[in-house]
Every structure is written in structure tokens, then in C-alpha cells.
């Protein structure tokens, strides 16, 4: 098993082999810019680690990991457009820098290149991997649409179970699908692949709670954006929906009004209500609950415990992150 840092270096070396077009540059510049504003490569790493749990990493696994990272960046470009987001990872978003049409088309091309990578997988595995990849891609789009639907709804009318279903589709299934696809390519049994899928899904839920916490309580210098972006954009989050449940009725009413308002001090006021209702403490407990469930599924995977150590380390680091 490779340490996470070595695995990341192996992936970067292959992913840096740029096979994109060059003309017109107005199409390909936003694409290369987006990929250059590097994230943590969580999803391709999960794919490779899932594969290496069962066998040596093959070119098929690298193709799948590249496809997953390309697809993820396609979704980020489009999500930023839909959310009117000016920053991503502390840098201007593609549509902010290059304009909406160029960013939109650049994202579309990323999706095509993702399928080009999938198509390089050996025919022995291709039908199943394509099926898994397509299911994940559809669910991610479903989750994004549900997220947009929730934006115009009164937070008091959104059941927590519906919100969790949305997050499961928008965020968690891509983590879950990444490690499942890698496991299948590594020769995992159906049972082992299913446990890894559930591991990834619950890790994704824990990751999202952490993301919501960082948006409100994180250090802006490390997070790469101003605090309270979700409040300013009216997004529904774990924190907001739980506050609507836990706060007294009068505070819940004030909270709903603040989310709808354009008051300049609404971030501070919402944070005061969150503090009164101990929302950060609840979120930390929820994050840990999802993490424990993830580890329970990882424990059920029938490989030597020592082979799972890099996955445990990566999960722990993700949930301790400050950006």
C-alpha cells in the first residue's frame, strides 16, 4: 500500500499529461485554469485507494481516477455558475474570470474528456464501470437541482431527511462511487465493494457537516472565502435546518427572516442564534456520528486491517481540515 502522499504524487504525474485541445484558446483556457486551481484530489485518491486495497493499481484505475476528477471539476464550474460564486479555493471562479459562456462550454468539454478516460478502461470492466459512473453522475445532478429547489423554500418546511437525501446525492455519492469504482477495478467482491460505497457515503456526509461548520466558523484566510457565504446566498445547510428545529419558535422565526433578508449584519445575527442554540456543538456530534458509521463499514471490508490504514488516515485528516 502506498502512503497517501506517494499515491497523490503518482496520480498528479499521470493527470498532468495534458491531452486537451488548444484551439480555440477561449474554450480551453477556462478548463485548464479550473484544473490548475487544485483541490485536495480526494475523489481520485479514494478511487486509487479502493483499488489498492485488493490488488496492485492498474492503468484502468488511473483512467477511472482521472475521469472522476474531471467530472468533479465539471460540476464545480457549473455549480459556481448556478450559485453566482465569485471565488473557488480562494481564486476567482472560471465564469468570474473568463465569462459565463466560456466557463459553461469549458465545463462541458471537461465532461466529454471524463468519458474519454472511462472509454480507455479495458472492455472486461468497462460495462460495469460505465454503469456505476453514470449512476453517480445522474445522482450528483439530481442533488444539485434539489439544492437549488431548496433555496427558494422556507427552511421550516424542509424536513431534515429530505435535506440529507439531497446532500447524499450532491456530495456523498461521488465520494462513495469513487471508492466503489476503484474497488471493483481492484477485484473486490460485491460485498466488499458495497461496504466501501457505504463508507464513502457516510464519509461524505461527515465531510459536508464539516464544510458547513467551516463556512461559518472557519478562518477566512484558510478557507479561502469570507465567513457566512451560505447565509449570504440563502443556502440551506445542516446548521440552519437544525437551528430551526432546536431554537425556540420566536428565534426560529427571526432566523427564517434573516435568511430571506439582505441586511448587512445578517451573518453576525445568524451566528448569534446558532451560538444560543448550541448548533456548532450539535454539528460536531453529527460529524462524529457519520464518521463512526463510515469506520464501521470499513471494518467490515474483508482485507487485512493494515491495508486499511491509509484510508483511516485520510478520513481522519479530512475531518480535521481547516480549509
Protein backbone atom coordinates (compact mmCIF):
# COMPACT_ATOMS: atom_id res chain seq x y z
CA UNK A 1 0.00 0.00 0.00
CA UNK A 2 1.27 3.45 -0.91
CA UNK A 3 1.22 6.25 1.65
CA UNK A 4 -1.32 8.92 0.68
CA UNK A 5 1.38 11.40 -0.33
CA UNK A 6 3.03 8.91 -2.70
CA UNK A 7 -0.31 7.94 -4.21
CA UNK A 8 -1.13 11.60 -4.78
CA UNK A 9 2.21 12.12 -6.50
CA UNK A 10 1.58 9.13 -8.78
CA UNK A 11 -1.83 10.47 -9.71
CA UNK A 12 -0.55 14.01 -10.33
CA UNK A 13 2.21 12.73 -12.60
CA UNK A 14 -0.32 10.98 -14.83
CA UNK A 15 -3.01 13.64 -14.57
CA UNK A 16 -0.53 16.33 -15.62
CA UNK A 17 -0.21 14.65 -19.03
CA UNK A 18 -2.40 17.24 -20.72
CA UNK A 19 -4.32 15.81 -23.68
CA UNK A 20 -6.70 18.73 -24.08
CA UNK A 21 -7.05 20.71 -27.26
CA UNK A 22 -5.62 24.19 -27.78
CA UNK A 23 -7.93 25.84 -30.31
CA UNK A 24 -9.87 27.92 -29.64
CA UNK A 25 -7.96 29.03 -26.57
CA UNK A 26 -11.09 30.80 -25.32
CA UNK A 27 -12.62 27.35 -24.82
CA UNK A 28 -9.62 25.55 -23.32
CA UNK A 29 -8.21 28.33 -21.12
CA UNK A 30 -11.08 28.18 -18.56
CA UNK A 31 -10.75 24.40 -18.46
CA UNK A 32 -7.01 24.47 -17.75
CA UNK A 33 -7.43 27.33 -15.29
CA UNK A 34 -10.01 25.38 -13.29
CA UNK A 35 -7.82 22.27 -13.11
CA UNK A 36 -4.86 24.45 -12.15
CA UNK A 37 -6.65 25.77 -9.06
CA UNK A 38 -6.02 22.44 -7.41
CA UNK A 39 -8.20 20.87 -4.80
CA UNK A 40 -7.24 18.02 -2.49
CA UNK A 41 -7.87 15.32 -5.14
CA UNK A 42 -9.96 13.43 -2.57
CA UNK A 43 -12.10 11.57 -5.08
CA UNK A 44 -9.37 10.21 -7.37
CA UNK A 45 -7.35 9.25 -4.30
CA UNK A 46 -10.31 7.30 -2.95
CA UNK A 47 -10.60 5.53 -6.30
CA UNK A 48 -6.94 4.51 -6.27
CA UNK A 49 -7.00 3.53 -2.60
CA UNK A 50 -10.11 1.42 -3.14
CA UNK A 51 -8.33 -0.39 -5.95
CA UNK A 52 -5.11 -0.90 -4.00
CA UNK A 53 -6.97 -2.48 -1.09
CA UNK A 54 -7.34 -5.60 -3.23
CA UNK A 55 -4.54 -5.59 -5.82
CA UNK A 56 -1.83 -3.51 -7.43
CA UNK A 57 -3.09 -0.35 -9.11
CA UNK A 58 -3.57 -0.83 -12.84
CA UNK A 59 -3.84 1.72 -15.67
CA UNK A 60 -7.62 1.16 -15.57
CA UNK A 61 -7.73 2.59 -12.05
CA UNK A 62 -5.76 5.66 -13.10
CA UNK A 63 -8.15 6.20 -16.02
CA UNK A 64 -11.12 5.95 -13.67
CA UNK A 65 -9.49 8.31 -11.15
CA UNK A 66 -8.81 10.86 -13.89
CA UNK A 67 -12.40 10.60 -15.14
CA UNK A 68 -13.70 11.19 -11.62
CA UNK A 69 -11.52 14.27 -11.10
CA UNK A 70 -12.53 15.70 -14.49
CA UNK A 71 -16.19 15.10 -13.75
CA UNK A 72 -15.83 16.69 -10.30
CA UNK A 73 -14.33 19.83 -11.81
CA UNK A 74 -17.08 19.92 -14.44
CA UNK A 75 -19.61 20.02 -11.60
CA UNK A 76 -17.66 22.74 -9.77
CA UNK A 77 -17.66 25.04 -12.81
CA UNK A 78 -21.40 24.59 -13.27
CA UNK A 79 -22.20 24.82 -9.55
CA UNK A 80 -20.28 28.10 -9.30
CA UNK A 81 -22.30 29.48 -12.21
CA UNK A 82 -25.58 28.39 -10.64
CA UNK A 83 -24.56 29.79 -7.24
CA UNK A 84 -23.13 33.03 -8.69
CA UNK A 85 -19.99 32.27 -6.69
CA UNK A 86 -17.10 34.72 -7.21
CA UNK A 87 -14.42 32.56 -5.55
CA UNK A 88 -13.40 28.91 -5.51
CA UNK A 89 -10.46 27.75 -3.38
CA UNK A 90 -9.57 31.38 -2.77
CA UNK A 91 -9.30 32.18 -6.51
CA UNK A 92 -11.77 33.76 -8.98
CA UNK A 93 -14.16 31.19 -10.38
CA UNK A 94 -13.95 30.33 -14.07
CA UNK A 95 -17.05 32.33 -15.01
CA UNK A 96 -15.81 35.33 -13.00
CA UNK A 97 -12.50 35.35 -14.85
CA UNK A 98 -13.46 34.21 -18.36
CA UNK A 99 -17.15 35.00 -18.59
CA UNK A 100 -20.18 32.76 -18.31
CA UNK A 101 -20.31 31.34 -21.90
CA UNK A 102 -16.63 30.31 -21.90
CA UNK A 103 -16.89 28.73 -18.45
CA UNK A 104 -20.06 26.86 -19.35
CA UNK A 105 -18.55 25.42 -22.52
CA UNK A 106 -15.26 24.66 -20.78
CA UNK A 107 -17.17 22.66 -18.18
CA UNK A 108 -18.99 20.77 -20.93
CA UNK A 109 -15.68 19.82 -22.55
CA UNK A 110 -14.40 18.54 -19.19
CA UNK A 111 -17.34 16.16 -19.06
CA UNK A 112 -16.50 14.86 -22.54
CA UNK A 113 -12.88 14.31 -21.53
CA UNK A 114 -14.08 12.45 -18.44
CA UNK A 115 -15.90 9.96 -20.65
CA UNK A 116 -12.87 9.71 -22.88
CA UNK A 117 -10.91 8.48 -19.85
CA UNK A 118 -13.65 5.98 -18.97
CA UNK A 119 -13.56 4.69 -22.53
CA UNK A 120 -9.87 3.75 -22.10
CA UNK A 121 -10.75 1.15 -19.44
CA UNK A 122 -10.40 -2.44 -20.64
CA UNK A 123 -13.53 -3.99 -22.11
CA UNK A 124 -13.55 -6.58 -19.33
CA UNK A 125 -14.51 -3.88 -16.81
CA UNK A 126 -15.95 -1.15 -19.00
CA UNK A 127 -19.70 -2.01 -18.89
CA UNK A 128 -19.87 -2.16 -15.10
CA UNK A 129 -17.66 0.89 -14.53
CA UNK A 130 -19.66 2.90 -17.05
CA UNK A 131 -22.89 1.89 -15.32
CA UNK A 132 -21.55 2.89 -11.89
CA UNK A 133 -20.12 6.16 -13.22
CA UNK A 134 -23.37 7.10 -14.94
CA UNK A 135 -25.46 6.40 -11.85
CA UNK A 136 -23.21 8.60 -9.76
CA UNK A 137 -23.22 11.39 -12.36
CA UNK A 138 -27.01 11.41 -12.55
CA UNK A 139 -27.39 11.49 -8.77
CA UNK A 140 -24.95 14.40 -8.46
CA UNK A 141 -27.07 16.40 -10.92
CA UNK A 142 -30.24 15.42 -9.05
CA UNK A 143 -28.66 16.62 -5.82
CA UNK A 144 -27.67 19.96 -7.33
CA UNK A 145 -31.21 20.52 -8.59
CA UNK A 146 -32.68 19.65 -5.19
CA UNK A 147 -30.24 22.10 -3.60
CA UNK A 148 -31.48 24.82 -5.93
CA UNK A 149 -35.11 23.88 -5.23
CA UNK A 150 -34.49 24.25 -1.50
CA UNK A 151 -33.04 27.76 -1.95
CA UNK A 152 -36.48 29.25 -2.56
CA UNK A 153 -38.21 27.27 0.21
CA UNK A 154 -38.91 28.32 3.78
CA UNK A 155 -36.30 26.41 5.86
CA UNK A 156 -39.03 25.45 8.34
CA UNK A 157 -40.71 23.45 5.57
CA UNK A 158 -37.67 21.36 4.61
CA UNK A 159 -37.54 18.09 6.58
CA UNK A 160 -34.03 17.12 7.67
CA UNK A 161 -34.42 13.72 5.97
CA UNK A 162 -35.06 15.46 2.62
CA UNK A 163 -32.03 17.66 3.12
CA UNK A 164 -29.88 14.66 3.97
CA UNK A 165 -31.11 12.91 0.83
CA UNK A 166 -30.06 15.96 -1.20
CA UNK A 167 -26.58 16.00 0.37
CA UNK A 168 -26.31 12.27 -0.16
CA UNK A 169 -26.79 12.82 -3.88
CA UNK A 170 -24.91 16.08 -4.37
CA UNK A 171 -21.84 15.39 -2.24
CA UNK A 172 -21.68 11.88 -0.82
CA UNK A 173 -22.36 9.66 -3.82
CA UNK A 174 -19.32 10.91 -5.71
CA UNK A 175 -17.07 10.00 -2.78
CA UNK A 176 -18.89 6.68 -2.42
CA UNK A 177 -18.83 5.94 -6.12
CA UNK A 178 -15.15 6.84 -6.41
CA UNK A 179 -14.00 4.24 -3.91
CA UNK A 180 -16.52 1.67 -5.17
CA UNK A 181 -15.28 2.03 -8.75
CA UNK A 182 -11.69 1.63 -7.59
CA UNK A 183 -12.60 -1.44 -5.54
CA UNK A 184 -14.35 -3.08 -8.49
CA UNK A 185 -11.30 -2.48 -10.68
CA UNK A 186 -9.14 -3.99 -7.94
CA UNK A 187 -11.20 -7.18 -7.91
CA UNK A 188 -13.34 -6.61 -4.80
CA UNK A 189 -16.28 -8.88 -4.12
CA UNK A 190 -19.76 -7.35 -4.31
CA UNK A 191 -19.98 -7.33 -0.52
CA UNK A 192 -16.66 -5.56 -0.05
CA UNK A 193 -17.49 -3.04 -2.78
CA UNK A 194 -20.83 -2.30 -1.10
CA UNK A 195 -19.22 -1.73 2.31
CA UNK A 196 -16.74 0.66 0.72
CA UNK A 197 -19.57 2.50 -1.01
CA UNK A 198 -21.32 2.96 2.34
CA UNK A 199 -18.01 4.02 3.90
CA UNK A 200 -17.62 6.70 1.23
CA UNK A 201 -21.22 7.84 1.53
CA UNK A 202 -21.03 8.38 5.28
CA UNK A 203 -17.63 9.98 4.97
CA UNK A 204 -19.25 12.38 2.51
CA UNK A 205 -22.00 13.26 4.98
CA UNK A 206 -19.42 13.93 7.69
CA UNK A 207 -17.39 15.96 5.19
CA UNK A 208 -20.43 18.12 4.41
CA UNK A 209 -21.15 18.87 8.06
CA UNK A 210 -17.51 19.91 8.41
CA UNK A 211 -17.88 22.09 5.31
CA UNK A 212 -20.94 23.81 6.80
CA UNK A 213 -19.05 24.44 10.04
CA UNK A 214 -16.06 25.90 8.19
CA UNK A 215 -18.31 28.23 6.20
CA UNK A 216 -19.49 29.86 9.42
CA UNK A 217 -16.74 29.30 11.95
CA UNK A 218 -13.64 28.70 9.80
CA UNK A 219 -10.64 31.00 9.43
CA UNK A 220 -11.26 33.05 6.22
CA UNK A 221 -7.54 33.00 5.45
CA UNK A 222 -7.52 29.20 5.42
CA UNK A 223 -11.00 28.56 4.00
CA UNK A 224 -10.36 30.92 1.08
CA UNK A 225 -13.63 32.85 1.31
CA UNK A 226 -15.50 35.20 3.60
CA UNK A 227 -17.35 33.60 6.52
CA UNK A 228 -21.08 33.11 6.17
CA UNK A 229 -21.20 32.62 2.42
CA UNK A 230 -24.00 30.08 2.81
CA UNK A 231 -26.00 32.60 4.86
CA UNK A 232 -25.46 35.39 2.34
CA UNK A 233 -26.57 33.17 -0.54
CA UNK A 234 -29.60 31.84 1.36
CA UNK A 235 -28.37 28.24 1.13
CA UNK A 236 -29.96 25.64 3.33
CA UNK A 237 -27.41 23.80 5.46
CA UNK A 238 -27.29 21.24 8.25
CA UNK A 239 -26.73 24.11 10.68
CA UNK A 240 -29.69 26.15 9.52
CA UNK A 241 -32.20 23.30 9.44
CA UNK A 242 -31.13 22.02 12.85
CA UNK A 243 -31.36 25.53 14.28
CA UNK A 244 -34.95 25.72 13.01
CA UNK A 245 -35.64 22.53 14.99
CA UNK A 246 -33.77 23.38 18.18
CA UNK A 247 -34.39 27.10 18.64
CA UNK A 248 -37.48 28.47 20.41
CA UNK A 249 -40.25 29.47 17.97
CA UNK A 250 -39.52 33.19 18.22
CA UNK A 251 -35.84 32.66 17.38
CA UNK A 252 -36.70 30.29 14.55
CA UNK A 253 -38.94 32.99 13.09
CA UNK A 254 -36.19 35.58 13.35
CA UNK A 255 -33.74 33.13 11.75
CA UNK A 256 -36.03 32.46 8.78
CA UNK A 257 -36.46 36.19 8.27
CA UNK A 258 -32.70 36.81 8.43
CA UNK A 259 -32.06 34.17 5.76
CA UNK A 260 -34.56 35.91 3.46
CA UNK A 261 -33.29 39.42 4.19
CA UNK A 262 -30.50 41.49 2.70
CA UNK A 263 -29.42 43.03 6.00
CA UNK A 264 -25.74 43.84 6.15
CA UNK A 265 -25.41 42.30 9.60
CA UNK A 266 -27.32 39.10 8.92
CA UNK A 267 -24.25 36.84 9.16
CA UNK A 268 -23.47 38.12 12.65
CA UNK A 269 -27.11 37.85 13.74
CA UNK A 270 -27.45 34.29 12.45
CA UNK A 271 -24.22 33.33 14.20
CA UNK A 272 -25.61 34.73 17.47
CA UNK A 273 -28.69 32.50 17.14
CA UNK A 274 -26.51 29.49 16.30
CA UNK A 275 -24.50 30.19 19.43
CA UNK A 276 -27.62 30.49 21.59
CA UNK A 277 -28.92 27.15 20.29
CA UNK A 278 -25.52 25.38 20.50
CA UNK A 279 -25.61 24.47 16.82
CA UNK A 280 -21.83 24.11 16.49
CA UNK A 281 -21.79 21.54 19.28
CA UNK A 282 -24.61 19.59 17.65
CA UNK A 283 -22.83 19.68 14.29
CA UNK A 284 -19.60 18.35 15.78
CA UNK A 285 -21.52 15.44 17.30
CA UNK A 286 -23.27 14.76 13.98
CA UNK A 287 -19.97 14.85 12.13
CA UNK A 288 -18.51 12.31 14.53
CA UNK A 289 -21.58 10.08 14.23
CA UNK A 290 -21.28 9.87 10.45
CA UNK A 291 -17.53 9.26 10.81
CA UNK A 292 -18.12 6.35 13.20
CA UNK A 293 -20.65 4.82 10.81
CA UNK A 294 -18.12 5.16 7.98
CA UNK A 295 -15.47 3.36 10.01
CA UNK A 296 -17.92 0.61 10.94
CA UNK A 297 -18.38 -0.15 7.24
CA UNK A 298 -14.64 -0.01 6.62
CA UNK A 299 -14.18 -2.53 9.45
CA UNK A 300 -16.48 -4.94 7.56
CA UNK A 301 -14.27 -4.97 4.45
CA UNK A 302 -12.58 -8.37 4.34
CA UNK A 303 -8.95 -7.38 3.91
CA UNK A 304 -6.10 -7.11 6.40
CA UNK A 305 -6.57 -4.23 8.80
CA UNK A 306 -3.11 -2.90 7.97
CA UNK A 307 -4.18 -2.37 4.35
CA UNK A 308 -6.97 -0.07 5.51
CA UNK A 309 -4.62 2.20 7.47
CA UNK A 310 -4.13 4.78 4.65
CA UNK A 311 -7.91 5.10 4.28
CA UNK A 312 -8.33 5.64 8.00
CA UNK A 313 -5.59 8.26 7.97
CA UNK A 314 -7.09 10.07 5.01
CA UNK A 315 -10.58 10.11 6.56
CA UNK A 316 -9.22 11.47 9.82
CA UNK A 317 -7.29 14.22 8.04
CA UNK A 318 -10.35 15.22 6.01
CA UNK A 319 -12.43 15.67 9.12
CA UNK A 320 -9.72 17.67 10.88
CA UNK A 321 -9.24 20.02 7.95
CA UNK A 322 -9.41 23.80 8.34
CA UNK A 323 -10.00 24.66 4.69
